[in-house]
Amino acid sequence: MLQAGRGPVPSLAEAITGEPIPGSWWGHAKGRVIFRAARAVCESSEVLVCKLIDGKVTYVHRRVWPALVKLAPRFAKERLAKVWDEHTKRGAHVSRRVPFPKWVPSDVMKEAETLSTLEAERLLSTVLAWKADRRGQLGPRKIMEPSVATSAAFAATRRVARPSARKMCEPRRT
C-alpha cells in the first residue's frame, strides 16, 4: 500500500478520503486523519516502510516480508531500505534509513529460505506485475485489494490522540 499518490496498489490517503486527492493530501480536509493514520502505520512493528514502488512511501505488511526477502535480487536495494522521517528540535526535516537486509529479523530470513520462489511471486504478484509493466513486458496493471495495513491504520487513528510535531514514521526505540 502506498502512503499517498497513485500507483498499482491502493493509497492509504485515498482509502481514508474515499476519493482521489488532487495535489497534496496535507491540504485535504482529512489531512490530519491521514497524518495520524500514516503515523500509526509507520509505528507498527508489523509494517515495513520503504520506497518500493516508484520511490514513493510504501507500506509492506510483515506477512509478505519473507517473499520480499526471497525476491530481493529483483529490486534495487535502496527500494528495500527501511525509511522514516524525523523532525528535529530545530524544525529541520531529516530522512533516515536502515539498508536492506539489516532491518530484516532473523525469523523472516529463515522463513524466506524455506519459501518457494513460486509462492513468493504469488504473494508479491501486484508489485511484480507493476515492475514488469514499467519495463513494457506486461499488459494492464493488476490492482491489489486494500491490505491489512489499511484496517490497522483505521483502527490506529482512534488510538492516536494528536500528531507529534517532532516525529513521523520514526522507528520505536527498544
N, C-alpha and C. Protein backbone atom coordinates (compact mmCIF):
# COMPACT_ATOMS: atom_id res chain seq x y z
N MET A 1 0.85 -1.16 0.00
CA MET A 1 0.00 0.00 0.00
C MET A 1 0.90 1.23 0.00
N LEU A 2 0.53 2.21 -0.80
CA LEU A 2 1.25 3.48 -0.80
C LEU A 2 0.72 4.38 0.31
N GLN A 3 1.57 5.27 0.81
CA GLN A 3 1.09 6.26 1.78
C GLN A 3 0.14 7.21 1.07
N ALA A 4 0.55 7.66 -0.09
CA ALA A 4 -0.26 8.59 -0.88
C ALA A 4 0.15 8.45 -2.35
N GLY A 5 -0.53 9.14 -3.19
CA GLY A 5 -0.19 9.11 -4.62
C GLY A 5 -0.90 7.99 -5.35
N ARG A 6 -0.62 7.92 -6.61
CA ARG A 6 -1.25 6.90 -7.45
C ARG A 6 -0.23 5.83 -7.81
N GLY A 7 -0.70 4.60 -7.91
CA GLY A 7 0.17 3.50 -8.26
C GLY A 7 -0.64 2.24 -8.46
N PRO A 8 0.05 1.11 -8.59
CA PRO A 8 -0.63 -0.17 -8.84
C PRO A 8 -1.25 -0.78 -7.60
N VAL A 9 -1.02 -0.17 -6.44
CA VAL A 9 -1.60 -0.64 -5.19
C VAL A 9 -2.37 0.52 -4.56
N PRO A 10 -3.28 0.22 -3.64
CA PRO A 10 -4.07 1.29 -3.03
C PRO A 10 -3.21 2.29 -2.26
N SER A 11 -3.77 3.46 -2.06
CA SER A 11 -3.13 4.53 -1.29
C SER A 11 -3.88 4.69 0.02
N LEU A 12 -3.14 4.77 1.12
CA LEU A 12 -3.76 4.98 2.43
C LEU A 12 -4.56 6.28 2.43
N ALA A 13 -3.98 7.33 1.89
CA ALA A 13 -4.66 8.63 1.88
C ALA A 13 -5.99 8.55 1.13
N GLU A 14 -5.99 7.92 -0.03
CA GLU A 14 -7.23 7.81 -0.80
C GLU A 14 -8.22 6.84 -0.17
N ALA A 15 -7.71 5.82 0.54
CA ALA A 15 -8.62 4.91 1.25
C ALA A 15 -9.35 5.66 2.36
N ILE A 16 -8.67 6.59 2.99
CA ILE A 16 -9.29 7.38 4.06
C ILE A 16 -10.29 8.38 3.50
N THR A 17 -9.93 9.05 2.41
CA THR A 17 -10.84 10.07 1.86
C THR A 17 -11.94 9.48 1.01
N GLY A 18 -11.70 8.29 0.48
CA GLY A 18 -12.69 7.65 -0.38
C GLY A 18 -12.72 8.21 -1.79
N GLU A 19 -11.70 8.99 -2.13
CA GLU A 19 -11.65 9.61 -3.46
C GLU A 19 -10.21 9.99 -3.80
N PRO A 20 -9.94 10.18 -5.10
CA PRO A 20 -8.61 10.66 -5.48
C PRO A 20 -8.36 12.05 -4.89
N ILE A 21 -7.13 12.31 -4.53
CA ILE A 21 -6.78 13.59 -3.91
C ILE A 21 -5.99 14.42 -4.91
N PRO A 22 -6.56 15.54 -5.36
CA PRO A 22 -5.79 16.41 -6.25
C PRO A 22 -4.75 17.17 -5.44
N GLY A 23 -3.51 17.13 -5.87
CA GLY A 23 -2.46 17.82 -5.12
C GLY A 23 -2.04 17.03 -3.90
N SER A 24 -1.55 17.73 -2.91
CA SER A 24 -1.02 17.11 -1.70
C SER A 24 -2.14 16.78 -0.71
N TRP A 25 -2.00 15.65 -0.03
CA TRP A 25 -3.00 15.28 0.99
C TRP A 25 -2.89 16.18 2.21
N TRP A 26 -1.77 16.85 2.40
CA TRP A 26 -1.60 17.72 3.56
C TRP A 26 -2.68 18.81 3.60
N GLY A 27 -3.11 19.28 2.45
CA GLY A 27 -4.11 20.34 2.40
C GLY A 27 -5.54 19.84 2.37
N HIS A 28 -5.72 18.53 2.33
CA HIS A 28 -7.07 17.95 2.27
C HIS A 28 -7.78 18.13 3.61
N ALA A 29 -9.10 18.19 3.57
CA ALA A 29 -9.90 18.35 4.79
C ALA A 29 -9.62 17.23 5.79
N LYS A 30 -9.26 16.05 5.30
CA LYS A 30 -8.96 14.92 6.18
C LYS A 30 -7.45 14.74 6.37
N GLY A 31 -6.69 15.78 6.11
CA GLY A 31 -5.23 15.71 6.22
C GLY A 31 -4.75 15.26 7.59
N ARG A 32 -5.39 15.74 8.64
CA ARG A 32 -4.96 15.35 9.99
C ARG A 32 -5.24 13.88 10.27
N VAL A 33 -6.37 13.39 9.76
CA VAL A 33 -6.70 11.97 9.92
C VAL A 33 -5.68 11.13 9.14
N ILE A 34 -5.35 11.57 7.95
CA ILE A 34 -4.36 10.86 7.14
C ILE A 34 -3.02 10.85 7.87
N PHE A 35 -2.61 11.97 8.42
CA PHE A 35 -1.36 12.06 9.15
C PHE A 35 -1.33 11.08 10.32
N ARG A 36 -2.41 11.06 11.12
CA ARG A 36 -2.46 10.16 12.28
C ARG A 36 -2.43 8.70 11.84
N ALA A 37 -3.15 8.39 10.77
CA ALA A 37 -3.16 7.02 10.27
C ALA A 37 -1.78 6.62 9.74
N ALA A 38 -1.15 7.51 8.97
CA ALA A 38 0.18 7.23 8.44
C ALA A 38 1.17 7.03 9.59
N ARG A 39 1.08 7.85 10.59
CA ARG A 39 1.98 7.74 11.74
C ARG A 39 1.76 6.42 12.46
N ALA A 40 0.51 6.04 12.64
CA ALA A 40 0.20 4.78 13.32
C ALA A 40 0.73 3.59 12.53
N VAL A 41 0.55 3.61 11.23
CA VAL A 41 1.06 2.53 10.39
C VAL A 41 2.58 2.49 10.48
N CYS A 42 3.22 3.64 10.39
CA CYS A 42 4.68 3.71 10.45
C CYS A 42 5.22 3.18 11.77
N GLU A 43 4.49 3.37 12.84
CA GLU A 43 4.94 2.93 14.16
C GLU A 43 4.70 1.45 14.40
N SER A 44 3.94 0.80 13.54
CA SER A 44 3.64 -0.61 13.72
C SER A 44 4.88 -1.47 13.45
N SER A 45 5.14 -2.41 14.34
CA SER A 45 6.24 -3.34 14.12
C SER A 45 5.88 -4.37 13.05
N GLU A 46 4.64 -4.36 12.61
CA GLU A 46 4.18 -5.29 11.59
C GLU A 46 4.26 -4.72 10.17
N VAL A 47 4.74 -3.49 10.04
CA VAL A 47 4.77 -2.83 8.73
C VAL A 47 6.16 -2.30 8.44
N LEU A 48 6.68 -2.64 7.27
CA LEU A 48 7.92 -2.07 6.77
C LEU A 48 7.54 -0.83 5.98
N VAL A 49 8.20 0.27 6.27
CA VAL A 49 8.02 1.49 5.48
C VAL A 49 9.26 1.60 4.61
N CYS A 50 9.07 1.56 3.30
CA CYS A 50 10.17 1.63 2.35
C CYS A 50 9.72 2.47 1.16
N LYS A 51 10.50 2.48 0.11
CA LYS A 51 10.12 3.22 -1.09
C LYS A 51 10.14 2.27 -2.29
N LEU A 52 9.46 1.16 -2.12
CA LEU A 52 9.46 0.07 -3.08
C LEU A 52 8.85 0.45 -4.43
N ILE A 53 7.74 1.15 -4.42
CA ILE A 53 7.01 1.44 -5.66
C ILE A 53 7.24 2.88 -6.09
N ASP A 54 7.87 3.05 -7.23
CA ASP A 54 8.13 4.39 -7.80
C ASP A 54 8.86 5.33 -6.85
N GLY A 55 9.59 4.81 -5.90
CA GLY A 55 10.28 5.67 -4.94
C GLY A 55 9.34 6.37 -3.98
N LYS A 56 8.07 5.92 -3.93
CA LYS A 56 7.07 6.52 -3.04
C LYS A 56 7.02 5.73 -1.74
N VAL A 57 6.61 6.39 -0.66
CA VAL A 57 6.49 5.70 0.62
C VAL A 57 5.49 4.56 0.45
N THR A 58 5.98 3.35 0.73
CA THR A 58 5.21 2.13 0.54
C THR A 58 5.17 1.35 1.84
N TYR A 59 3.99 0.87 2.21
CA TYR A 59 3.82 0.06 3.41
C TYR A 59 3.76 -1.41 3.00
N VAL A 60 4.60 -2.23 3.64
CA VAL A 60 4.64 -3.66 3.34
C VAL A 60 4.37 -4.41 4.64
N HIS A 61 3.29 -5.17 4.67
CA HIS A 61 2.92 -5.91 5.89
C HIS A 61 3.89 -7.07 6.11
N ARG A 62 4.12 -7.36 7.36
CA ARG A 62 5.09 -8.39 7.76
C ARG A 62 4.79 -9.76 7.13
N ARG A 63 3.53 -10.05 6.86
CA ARG A 63 3.22 -11.37 6.30
C ARG A 63 3.85 -11.59 4.93
N VAL A 64 4.24 -10.52 4.23
CA VAL A 64 4.89 -10.70 2.92
C VAL A 64 6.39 -10.38 2.96
N TRP A 65 6.94 -10.10 4.14
CA TRP A 65 8.39 -9.85 4.22
C TRP A 65 9.22 -11.02 3.73
N PRO A 66 8.86 -12.29 4.08
CA PRO A 66 9.67 -13.39 3.57
C PRO A 66 9.70 -13.44 2.03
N ALA A 67 8.59 -13.12 1.41
CA ALA A 67 8.55 -13.08 -0.06
C ALA A 67 9.42 -11.96 -0.59
N LEU A 68 9.39 -10.84 0.07
CA LEU A 68 10.21 -9.69 -0.33
C LEU A 68 11.70 -10.05 -0.23
N VAL A 69 12.07 -10.72 0.86
CA VAL A 69 13.46 -11.14 1.05
C VAL A 69 13.85 -12.16 -0.02
N LYS A 70 12.98 -13.12 -0.28
CA LYS A 70 13.25 -14.17 -1.27
C LYS A 70 13.50 -13.57 -2.66
N LEU A 71 12.72 -12.55 -3.01
CA LEU A 71 12.81 -11.95 -4.34
C LEU A 71 13.63 -10.65 -4.34
N ALA A 72 14.34 -10.38 -3.27
CA ALA A 72 15.11 -9.14 -3.14
C ALA A 72 16.04 -8.86 -4.33
N PRO A 73 16.69 -9.86 -4.92
CA PRO A 73 17.56 -9.58 -6.05
C PRO A 73 16.84 -8.93 -7.25
N ARG A 74 15.54 -9.02 -7.28
CA ARG A 74 14.77 -8.41 -8.38
C ARG A 74 14.52 -6.91 -8.18
N PHE A 75 14.87 -6.40 -7.02
CA PHE A 75 14.62 -4.99 -6.71
C PHE A 75 15.93 -4.28 -6.40
N ALA A 76 15.95 -3.00 -6.65
CA ALA A 76 17.11 -2.19 -6.26
C ALA A 76 17.17 -2.16 -4.73
N LYS A 77 18.35 -2.36 -4.17
CA LYS A 77 18.49 -2.42 -2.71
C LYS A 77 17.97 -1.17 -2.01
N GLU A 78 18.15 0.00 -2.63
CA GLU A 78 17.67 1.23 -1.97
C GLU A 78 16.15 1.24 -1.84
N ARG A 79 15.45 0.51 -2.71
CA ARG A 79 13.98 0.43 -2.62
C ARG A 79 13.54 -0.43 -1.45
N LEU A 80 14.44 -1.29 -0.96
CA LEU A 80 14.11 -2.20 0.13
C LEU A 80 14.58 -1.69 1.49
N ALA A 81 15.18 -0.53 1.53
CA ALA A 81 15.64 0.04 2.79
C ALA A 81 14.45 0.48 3.64
N LYS A 82 14.57 0.30 4.94
CA LYS A 82 13.56 0.80 5.87
C LYS A 82 13.79 2.30 6.00
N VAL A 83 12.74 3.09 5.81
CA VAL A 83 12.88 4.55 5.83
C VAL A 83 11.92 5.18 6.83
N TRP A 84 12.31 6.35 7.32
CA TRP A 84 11.43 7.15 8.18
C TRP A 84 11.93 8.58 8.17
N ASP A 85 11.07 9.47 8.60
CA ASP A 85 11.41 10.89 8.68
C ASP A 85 11.43 11.32 10.14
N GLU A 86 12.31 12.24 10.42
CA GLU A 86 12.38 12.83 11.76
C GLU A 86 12.32 14.34 11.61
N HIS A 87 11.68 14.95 12.56
CA HIS A 87 11.68 16.40 12.64
C HIS A 87 12.49 16.76 13.87
N THR A 88 13.58 17.44 13.66
CA THR A 88 14.48 17.77 14.77
C THR A 88 13.89 18.87 15.65
N LYS A 89 14.52 19.09 16.80
CA LYS A 89 14.06 20.13 17.72
C LYS A 89 14.09 21.51 17.07
N ARG A 90 15.00 21.70 16.13
CA ARG A 90 15.11 22.99 15.43
C ARG A 90 14.15 23.11 14.25
N GLY A 91 13.35 22.07 14.03
CA GLY A 91 12.37 22.13 12.96
C GLY A 91 12.84 21.59 11.62
N ALA A 92 14.07 21.14 11.57
CA ALA A 92 14.59 20.58 10.31
C ALA A 92 13.97 19.20 10.06
N HIS A 93 13.84 18.86 8.80
CA HIS A 93 13.30 17.58 8.38
C HIS A 93 14.47 16.70 7.95
N VAL A 94 14.59 15.53 8.57
CA VAL A 94 15.71 14.63 8.28
C VAL A 94 15.15 13.27 7.89
N SER A 95 15.61 12.74 6.76
CA SER A 95 15.22 11.40 6.33
C SER A 95 16.26 10.40 6.83
N ARG A 96 15.79 9.30 7.37
CA ARG A 96 16.66 8.25 7.90
C ARG A 96 16.37 6.95 7.17
N ARG A 97 17.35 6.03 7.21
CA ARG A 97 17.14 4.73 6.58
C ARG A 97 18.02 3.68 7.21
N VAL A 98 17.53 2.44 7.17
CA VAL A 98 18.31 1.27 7.54
C VAL A 98 18.37 0.42 6.28
N PRO A 99 19.56 0.16 5.76
CA PRO A 99 19.66 -0.57 4.50
C PRO A 99 19.17 -2.01 4.60
N PHE A 100 18.71 -2.53 3.47
CA PHE A 100 18.36 -3.94 3.37
C PHE A 100 19.67 -4.71 3.31
N PRO A 101 19.82 -5.81 3.98
CA PRO A 101 18.88 -6.56 4.81
C PRO A 101 19.04 -6.34 6.31
N LYS A 102 19.69 -5.27 6.72
CA LYS A 102 19.94 -5.06 8.16
C LYS A 102 18.67 -4.99 8.99
N TRP A 103 17.56 -4.53 8.42
CA TRP A 103 16.32 -4.40 9.17
C TRP A 103 15.56 -5.72 9.28
N VAL A 104 15.95 -6.74 8.49
CA VAL A 104 15.18 -7.99 8.40
C VAL A 104 15.43 -8.86 9.65
N PRO A 105 14.36 -9.21 10.38
CA PRO A 105 14.52 -10.09 11.55
C PRO A 105 14.98 -11.49 11.12
N SER A 106 15.69 -12.17 12.00
CA SER A 106 16.24 -13.49 11.67
C SER A 106 15.15 -14.51 11.35
N ASP A 107 14.00 -14.45 12.02
CA ASP A 107 12.93 -15.41 11.72
C ASP A 107 12.38 -15.20 10.31
N VAL A 108 12.38 -13.97 9.84
CA VAL A 108 11.91 -13.69 8.48
C VAL A 108 12.92 -14.23 7.47
N MET A 109 14.21 -14.07 7.76
CA MET A 109 15.26 -14.61 6.88
C MET A 109 15.12 -16.13 6.76
N LYS A 110 14.89 -16.79 7.89
CA LYS A 110 14.73 -18.26 7.88
C LYS A 110 13.50 -18.66 7.08
N GLU A 111 12.41 -17.94 7.27
CA GLU A 111 11.18 -18.25 6.53
C GLU A 111 11.37 -18.02 5.03
N ALA A 112 12.13 -17.00 4.67
CA ALA A 112 12.40 -16.72 3.25
C ALA A 112 13.19 -17.86 2.60
N GLU A 113 14.09 -18.47 3.37
CA GLU A 113 14.88 -19.59 2.84
C GLU A 113 14.00 -20.78 2.50
N THR A 114 12.94 -21.00 3.28
CA THR A 114 12.07 -22.15 3.05
C THR A 114 10.95 -21.86 2.05
N LEU A 115 10.72 -20.60 1.75
CA LEU A 115 9.66 -20.20 0.84
C LEU A 115 10.07 -20.49 -0.60
N SER A 116 9.16 -21.06 -1.36
CA SER A 116 9.47 -21.31 -2.78
C SER A 116 9.41 -19.99 -3.56
N THR A 117 10.15 -19.94 -4.62
CA THR A 117 10.12 -18.75 -5.48
C THR A 117 8.72 -18.53 -6.03
N LEU A 118 8.06 -19.61 -6.40
CA LEU A 118 6.70 -19.52 -6.95
C LEU A 118 5.73 -18.90 -5.94
N GLU A 119 5.82 -19.34 -4.68
CA GLU A 119 4.94 -18.79 -3.65
C GLU A 119 5.27 -17.32 -3.38
N ALA A 120 6.56 -17.00 -3.36
CA ALA A 120 6.97 -15.60 -3.17
C ALA A 120 6.44 -14.73 -4.30
N GLU A 121 6.51 -15.22 -5.52
CA GLU A 121 5.97 -14.48 -6.67
C GLU A 121 4.47 -14.28 -6.56
N ARG A 122 3.77 -15.30 -6.06
CA ARG A 122 2.32 -15.18 -5.88
C ARG A 122 2.01 -14.10 -4.84
N LEU A 123 2.74 -14.10 -3.74
CA LEU A 123 2.49 -13.12 -2.68
C LEU A 123 2.77 -11.69 -3.12
N LEU A 124 3.73 -11.53 -4.01
CA LEU A 124 4.10 -10.19 -4.48
C LEU A 124 3.67 -9.94 -5.93
N SER A 125 2.66 -10.65 -6.38
CA SER A 125 2.25 -10.57 -7.79
C SER A 125 1.92 -9.15 -8.24
N THR A 126 1.30 -8.36 -7.41
CA THR A 126 0.94 -6.99 -7.81
C THR A 126 2.19 -6.16 -8.05
N VAL A 127 3.14 -6.24 -7.13
CA VAL A 127 4.37 -5.46 -7.27
C VAL A 127 5.17 -5.96 -8.47
N LEU A 128 5.24 -7.27 -8.65
CA LEU A 128 5.99 -7.82 -9.78
C LEU A 128 5.32 -7.46 -11.11
N ALA A 129 3.98 -7.46 -11.14
CA ALA A 129 3.26 -7.06 -12.36
C ALA A 129 3.54 -5.60 -12.67
N TRP A 130 3.54 -4.76 -11.64
CA TRP A 130 3.84 -3.34 -11.82
C TRP A 130 5.25 -3.16 -12.34
N LYS A 131 6.19 -3.89 -11.75
CA LYS A 131 7.59 -3.76 -12.14
C LYS A 131 7.77 -4.18 -13.60
N ALA A 132 7.15 -5.29 -13.98
CA ALA A 132 7.25 -5.76 -15.37
C ALA A 132 6.54 -4.80 -16.31
N ASP A 133 5.39 -4.27 -15.89
CA ASP A 133 4.64 -3.33 -16.71
C ASP A 133 5.48 -2.09 -17.00
N ARG A 134 6.25 -1.65 -16.01
CA ARG A 134 7.10 -0.47 -16.17
C ARG A 134 8.19 -0.73 -17.22
N ARG A 135 8.53 -2.00 -17.42
CA ARG A 135 9.53 -2.34 -18.45
C ARG A 135 8.85 -2.71 -19.76
N GLY A 136 7.51 -2.62 -19.81
CA GLY A 136 6.78 -2.91 -21.04
C GLY A 136 6.58 -4.38 -21.31
N GLN A 137 6.70 -5.23 -20.29
CA GLN A 137 6.58 -6.67 -20.51
C GLN A 137 5.19 -7.23 -20.23
N LEU A 138 4.38 -6.48 -19.53
CA LEU A 138 3.03 -6.95 -19.23
C LEU A 138 2.00 -5.93 -19.67
N GLY A 139 0.77 -6.40 -19.79
CA GLY A 139 -0.31 -5.51 -20.17
C GLY A 139 -0.82 -4.72 -18.99
N PRO A 140 -2.15 -4.67 -18.81
CA PRO A 140 -2.74 -3.85 -17.75
C PRO A 140 -2.23 -4.22 -16.37
N ARG A 141 -2.12 -3.23 -15.52
CA ARG A 141 -1.68 -3.46 -14.15
C ARG A 141 -2.77 -4.13 -13.36
N LYS A 142 -2.36 -5.03 -12.49
CA LYS A 142 -3.29 -5.62 -11.54
C LYS A 142 -3.37 -4.69 -10.35
N ILE A 143 -4.54 -4.50 -9.84
CA ILE A 143 -4.71 -3.66 -8.65
C ILE A 143 -4.97 -4.57 -7.47
N MET A 144 -4.20 -4.41 -6.41
CA MET A 144 -4.32 -5.22 -5.23
C MET A 144 -5.41 -4.67 -4.32
N GLU A 145 -6.11 -5.57 -3.67
CA GLU A 145 -7.11 -5.15 -2.71
C GLU A 145 -6.42 -4.48 -1.52
N PRO A 146 -7.11 -3.57 -0.85
CA PRO A 146 -6.50 -2.95 0.33
C PRO A 146 -6.00 -4.01 1.30
N SER A 147 -4.84 -3.78 1.87
CA SER A 147 -4.18 -4.77 2.72
C SER A 147 -4.55 -4.61 4.18
N VAL A 148 -3.93 -5.44 4.96
CA VAL A 148 -4.10 -5.39 6.40
C VAL A 148 -3.70 -4.02 6.94
N ALA A 149 -2.74 -3.38 6.27
CA ALA A 149 -2.28 -2.06 6.73
C ALA A 149 -3.43 -1.06 6.75
N THR A 150 -4.37 -1.17 5.81
CA THR A 150 -5.49 -0.24 5.77
C THR A 150 -6.35 -0.36 7.03
N SER A 151 -6.74 -1.58 7.37
CA SER A 151 -7.59 -1.75 8.55
C SER A 151 -6.82 -1.39 9.81
N ALA A 152 -5.52 -1.69 9.86
CA ALA A 152 -4.71 -1.32 11.01
C ALA A 152 -4.64 0.20 11.13
N ALA A 153 -4.55 0.87 10.02
CA ALA A 153 -4.46 2.33 10.03
C ALA A 153 -5.76 2.94 10.55
N PHE A 154 -6.89 2.44 10.08
CA PHE A 154 -8.16 2.98 10.54
C PHE A 154 -8.34 2.74 12.03
N ALA A 155 -7.98 1.55 12.51
CA ALA A 155 -8.09 1.25 13.93
C ALA A 155 -7.15 2.14 14.74
N ALA A 156 -5.97 2.36 14.22
CA ALA A 156 -4.97 3.15 14.95
C ALA A 156 -5.37 4.62 15.06
N THR A 157 -6.11 5.14 14.09
CA THR A 157 -6.48 6.55 14.14
C THR A 157 -7.34 6.84 15.36
N ARG A 158 -8.01 5.85 15.84
CA ARG A 158 -8.84 6.04 17.02
C ARG A 158 -8.00 6.08 18.30
N ARG A 159 -6.81 5.44 18.24
CA ARG A 159 -5.94 5.38 19.42
C ARG A 159 -4.98 6.55 19.50
N VAL A 160 -4.72 7.22 18.40
CA VAL A 160 -3.75 8.31 18.37
C VAL A 160 -4.47 9.62 18.64
N ALA A 161 -4.13 10.27 19.73
CA ALA A 161 -4.84 11.50 20.11
C ALA A 161 -4.44 12.68 19.24
N ARG A 162 -3.16 13.06 19.26
CA ARG A 162 -2.70 14.20 18.47
C ARG A 162 -1.39 13.84 17.80
N PRO A 163 -1.18 14.27 16.56
CA PRO A 163 0.10 14.00 15.93
C PRO A 163 1.22 14.78 16.62
N SER A 164 2.36 14.14 16.72
CA SER A 164 3.52 14.80 17.29
C SER A 164 4.12 15.73 16.25
N ALA A 165 4.54 16.90 16.68
CA ALA A 165 5.16 17.84 15.75
C ALA A 165 6.59 17.41 15.43
N ARG A 166 7.16 16.52 16.25
CA ARG A 166 8.55 16.15 16.07
C ARG A 166 8.75 14.85 15.31
N LYS A 167 7.81 13.94 15.35
CA LYS A 167 8.07 12.62 14.80
C LYS A 167 7.01 12.20 13.80
N MET A 168 7.45 11.59 12.73
CA MET A 168 6.55 10.92 11.80
C MET A 168 7.33 9.77 11.20
N CYS A 169 6.84 8.59 11.37
CA CYS A 169 7.46 7.38 10.86
C CYS A 169 8.82 7.11 11.50
N GLU A 170 9.00 7.55 12.72
CA GLU A 170 10.23 7.26 13.42
C GLU A 170 10.12 5.88 14.03
N PRO A 171 11.15 5.04 13.92
CA PRO A 171 11.04 3.69 14.49
C PRO A 171 11.01 3.74 16.00
N ARG A 172 10.40 2.73 16.57
CA ARG A 172 10.34 2.65 18.02
C ARG A 172 11.73 2.36 18.56
N ARG A 173 12.03 2.94 19.67
CA ARG A 173 13.31 2.68 20.35
C ARG A 173 13.11 1.48 21.27
N THR A 174 13.97 0.49 21.15
CA THR A 174 13.83 -0.69 22.00
C THR A 174 15.03 -0.86 22.90
